[in-house]
Structures are given as structure tokens and as C-alpha cells.
Amino acid sequence: MSKKPNIAIVPKNGGTTLVKRTLTLGNHSAELYADSRTNPPLYHYIVTHKDSADIIAWGQTSSAAEAERGALDFIHGLNGQVSKAG
């Protein structure tokens, strides 16, 4: 007998309950989203070059603090690569 995976279900009539926050550091931006339509809520981050739609990195976590930390760690890593190359 196989076990069913624990999957967060988004109701079809749940409406939009995304909350967005943007962080900018150097030449990079991170958009942080909280999606409370799921139980438990999910937190997403998307890292881009400032003023660009090209996604450099993204992730999903179970807390807002983890999403912010993941985005900032990635940006700090990118900025460290730039300063070593320059």
C-alpha cells in the first residue's frame, strides 16, 4: 500500500491572497511572496537583476524569514562573485 504525499491544496475559489514585498541590494532585486491560500502558508522568493524580468534564482519555503534569508544569501553570493571578478 503506497502512502499519499502531503500536498498543499489551493481551493479553486480561494481568491488571491498573495502578499508581495521587494528587497533591493546592489544590482539585484528579490521579490518575496506569501501565499496564505495553502495550509500551511507557503513563502516564495524570486531573485532578478534590478529592472530585468530574467529570473536568476527562486525558491519556496515554509516561513517568511527562510524565504528572505534564501534570497539575501543568494544575492550576497552573486555580489561576492562580482567583487572577486572586478
C-alpha atoms as a PDB file:
ATOM      1  CA  MET A   1       0.000   0.000   0.000  1.00  0.00           C
ATOM      2  CA  SER A   2       1.513   3.304  -1.028  1.00  0.00           C
ATOM      3  CA  LYS A   3       1.392   6.394   1.124  1.00  0.00           C
ATOM      4  CA  LYS A   4      -0.128   9.563  -0.351  1.00  0.00           C
ATOM      5  CA  PRO A   5       2.241  12.544  -0.344  1.00  0.00           C
ATOM      6  CA  ASN A   6       1.392  15.537   1.837  1.00  0.00           C
ATOM      7  CA  ILE A   7       0.442  18.151  -0.787  1.00  0.00           C
ATOM      8  CA  ALA A   8      -0.818  21.662  -0.032  1.00  0.00           C
ATOM      9  CA  ILE A   9      -4.206  22.133  -1.699  1.00  0.00           C
ATOM     10  CA  VAL A  10      -5.239  25.518  -3.099  1.00  0.00           C
ATOM     11  CA  PRO A  11      -9.029  25.896  -3.216  1.00  0.00           C
ATOM     12  CA  LYS A  12     -10.412  26.870  -6.645  1.00  0.00           C
ATOM     13  CA  ASN A  13     -12.500  29.682  -5.153  1.00  0.00           C
ATOM     14  CA  GLY A  14      -9.773  30.806  -2.759  1.00  0.00           C
ATOM     15  CA  GLY A  15      -9.237  34.176  -4.411  1.00  0.00           C
ATOM     16  CA  THR A  16      -5.922  35.944  -4.439  1.00  0.00           C
ATOM     17  CA  THR A  17      -4.224  36.267  -1.079  1.00  0.00           C
ATOM     18  CA  LEU A  18      -0.646  36.800  -2.202  1.00  0.00           C
ATOM     19  CA  VAL A  19       1.361  39.407  -0.323  1.00  0.00           C
ATOM     20  CA  LYS A  20       4.389  40.836  -2.126  1.00  0.00           C
ATOM     21  CA  ARG A  21       7.482  42.559  -0.751  1.00  0.00           C
ATOM     22  CA  THR A  22      10.532  43.666  -2.747  1.00  0.00           C
ATOM     23  CA  LEU A  23      14.112  43.905  -1.479  1.00  0.00           C
ATOM     24  CA  THR A  24      16.872  45.587  -3.490  1.00  0.00           C
ATOM     25  CA  LEU A  25      20.559  45.046  -2.807  1.00  0.00           C
ATOM     26  CA  GLY A  26      23.181  46.327  -5.232  1.00  0.00           C
ATOM     27  CA  ASN A  27      22.197  45.388  -8.796  1.00  0.00           C
ATOM     28  CA  HIS A  28      19.756  42.681  -7.707  1.00  0.00           C
ATOM     29  CA  SER A  29      16.163  42.542  -6.512  1.00  0.00           C
ATOM     30  CA  ALA A  30      14.265  39.880  -4.617  1.00  0.00           C
ATOM     31  CA  GLU A  31      10.503  39.625  -4.701  1.00  0.00           C
ATOM     32  CA  LEU A  32       9.065  37.841  -1.677  1.00  0.00           C
ATOM     33  CA  TYR A  33       5.560  36.409  -1.797  1.00  0.00           C
ATOM     34  CA  ALA A  34       3.413  34.973   0.978  1.00  0.00           C
ATOM     35  CA  ASP A  35       0.650  32.675  -0.214  1.00  0.00           C
ATOM     36  CA  SER A  36      -1.859  32.065   2.558  1.00  0.00           C
ATOM     37  CA  ARG A  37      -4.261  30.187   0.257  1.00  0.00           C
ATOM     38  CA  THR A  38      -2.489  26.991   1.267  1.00  0.00           C
ATOM     39  CA  ASN A  39      -2.425  25.374   4.662  1.00  0.00           C
ATOM     40  CA  PRO A  40       0.255  25.788   5.883  1.00  0.00           C
ATOM     41  CA  PRO A  41       1.104  29.062   4.072  1.00  0.00           C
ATOM     42  CA  LEU A  42       3.943  28.985   1.523  1.00  0.00           C
ATOM     43  CA  TYR A  43       6.607  31.645   1.065  1.00  0.00           C
ATOM     44  CA  HIS A  44       8.322  32.203  -2.285  1.00  0.00           C
ATOM     45  CA  TYR A  45      11.259  34.300  -3.428  1.00  0.00           C
ATOM     46  CA  ILE A  46      12.395  35.312  -6.911  1.00  0.00           C
ATOM     47  CA  VAL A  47      15.821  36.890  -7.493  1.00  0.00           C
ATOM     48  CA  THR A  48      16.407  39.048 -10.588  1.00  0.00           C
ATOM     49  CA  HIS A  49      18.832  41.663 -11.878  1.00  0.00           C
ATOM     50  CA  LYS A  50      17.403  45.074 -10.997  1.00  0.00           C
ATOM     51  CA  ASP A  51      14.968  46.274 -13.713  1.00  0.00           C
ATOM     52  CA  SER A  52      15.013  42.906 -15.517  1.00  0.00           C
ATOM     53  CA  ALA A  53      12.434  40.156 -15.832  1.00  0.00           C
ATOM     54  CA  ASP A  54      15.105  37.439 -16.157  1.00  0.00           C
ATOM     55  CA  ILE A  55      14.947  35.136 -13.129  1.00  0.00           C
ATOM     56  CA  ILE A  56      18.327  34.237 -11.620  1.00  0.00           C
ATOM     57  CA  ALA A  57      17.006  32.116  -8.734  1.00  0.00           C
ATOM     58  CA  TRP A  58      13.791  31.172  -6.996  1.00  0.00           C
ATOM     59  CA  GLY A  59      12.735  29.140  -4.035  1.00  0.00           C
ATOM     60  CA  GLN A  60       9.860  28.148  -1.779  1.00  0.00           C
ATOM     61  CA  THR A  61       9.986  27.775   1.991  1.00  0.00           C
ATOM     62  CA  SER A  62       7.711  27.293   4.967  1.00  0.00           C
ATOM     63  CA  SER A  63       8.472  30.652   6.613  1.00  0.00           C
ATOM     64  CA  ALA A  64       8.868  34.300   5.593  1.00  0.00           C
ATOM     65  CA  ALA A  65      12.224  34.512   7.387  1.00  0.00           C
ATOM     66  CA  GLU A  66      13.575  31.499   5.466  1.00  0.00           C
ATOM     67  CA  ALA A  67      12.431  32.999   2.146  1.00  0.00           C
ATOM     68  CA  GLU A  68      14.100  36.331   2.906  1.00  0.00           C
ATOM     69  CA  ARG A  69      17.288  34.605   4.097  1.00  0.00           C
ATOM     70  CA  GLY A  70      17.403  32.393   0.989  1.00  0.00           C
ATOM     71  CA  ALA A  71      17.038  35.370  -1.341  1.00  0.00           C
ATOM     72  CA  LEU A  72      19.581  37.502   0.518  1.00  0.00           C
ATOM     73  CA  ASP A  73      22.109  34.653   0.758  1.00  0.00           C
ATOM     74  CA  PHE A  74      21.868  34.140  -2.996  1.00  0.00           C
ATOM     75  CA  ILE A  75      22.265  37.873  -3.704  1.00  0.00           C
ATOM     76  CA  HIS A  76      25.245  38.128  -1.332  1.00  0.00           C
ATOM     77  CA  GLY A  77      26.812  35.183  -3.181  1.00  0.00           C
ATOM     78  CA  LEU A  78      26.323  36.936  -6.520  1.00  0.00           C
ATOM     79  CA  ASN A  79      27.738  40.203  -5.191  1.00  0.00           C
ATOM     80  CA  GLY A  80      30.757  38.308  -3.821  1.00  0.00           C
ATOM     81  CA  GLN A  81      31.420  36.774  -7.257  1.00  0.00           C
ATOM     82  CA  VAL A  82      31.231  40.219  -8.878  1.00  0.00           C
ATOM     83  CA  SER A  83      33.688  41.781  -6.414  1.00  0.00           C
ATOM     84  CA  LYS A  84      36.174  38.892  -6.869  1.00  0.00           C
ATOM     85  CA  ALA A  85      35.988  39.254 -10.664  1.00  0.00           C
ATOM     86  CA  GLY A  86      36.290  43.053 -10.578  1.00  0.00           C
END
